[in-house]
């Protein structure tokens, strides 16, 4: 299994119909992943998923686009405990994110 079942978290912040035939979800990902014999800590990050439905086919999902709010260098630096301060900030907790979320658009306010 790629994600460590004891630590991996996918926490939903928002799920909303944001346009005709469009569902948007905002979620926070964190925990550890297994890469062969080693485990890597994920720097908590956000993902926005946009689902498009087909009104002519029973509103079945036609497409899914995932946008990741993370940076490769920050993810790498996060793996070295004494360099974590250089990795940038992690995604805030879900409670904080919900306070900053517009639930009609699933976008965060400043």
Foldseek 3Di string as FASTA:
>chain_A
DFFDPVFWDKAWQAWEQQDVQKIKTKTKIWGWTDDDPDIAGFQIWMKIKIWGFDPVPVRDTDDIDIDTDADPVLRVLCRDPVSNVVSDHGDDDSVVQNVQADRNHRDGHD
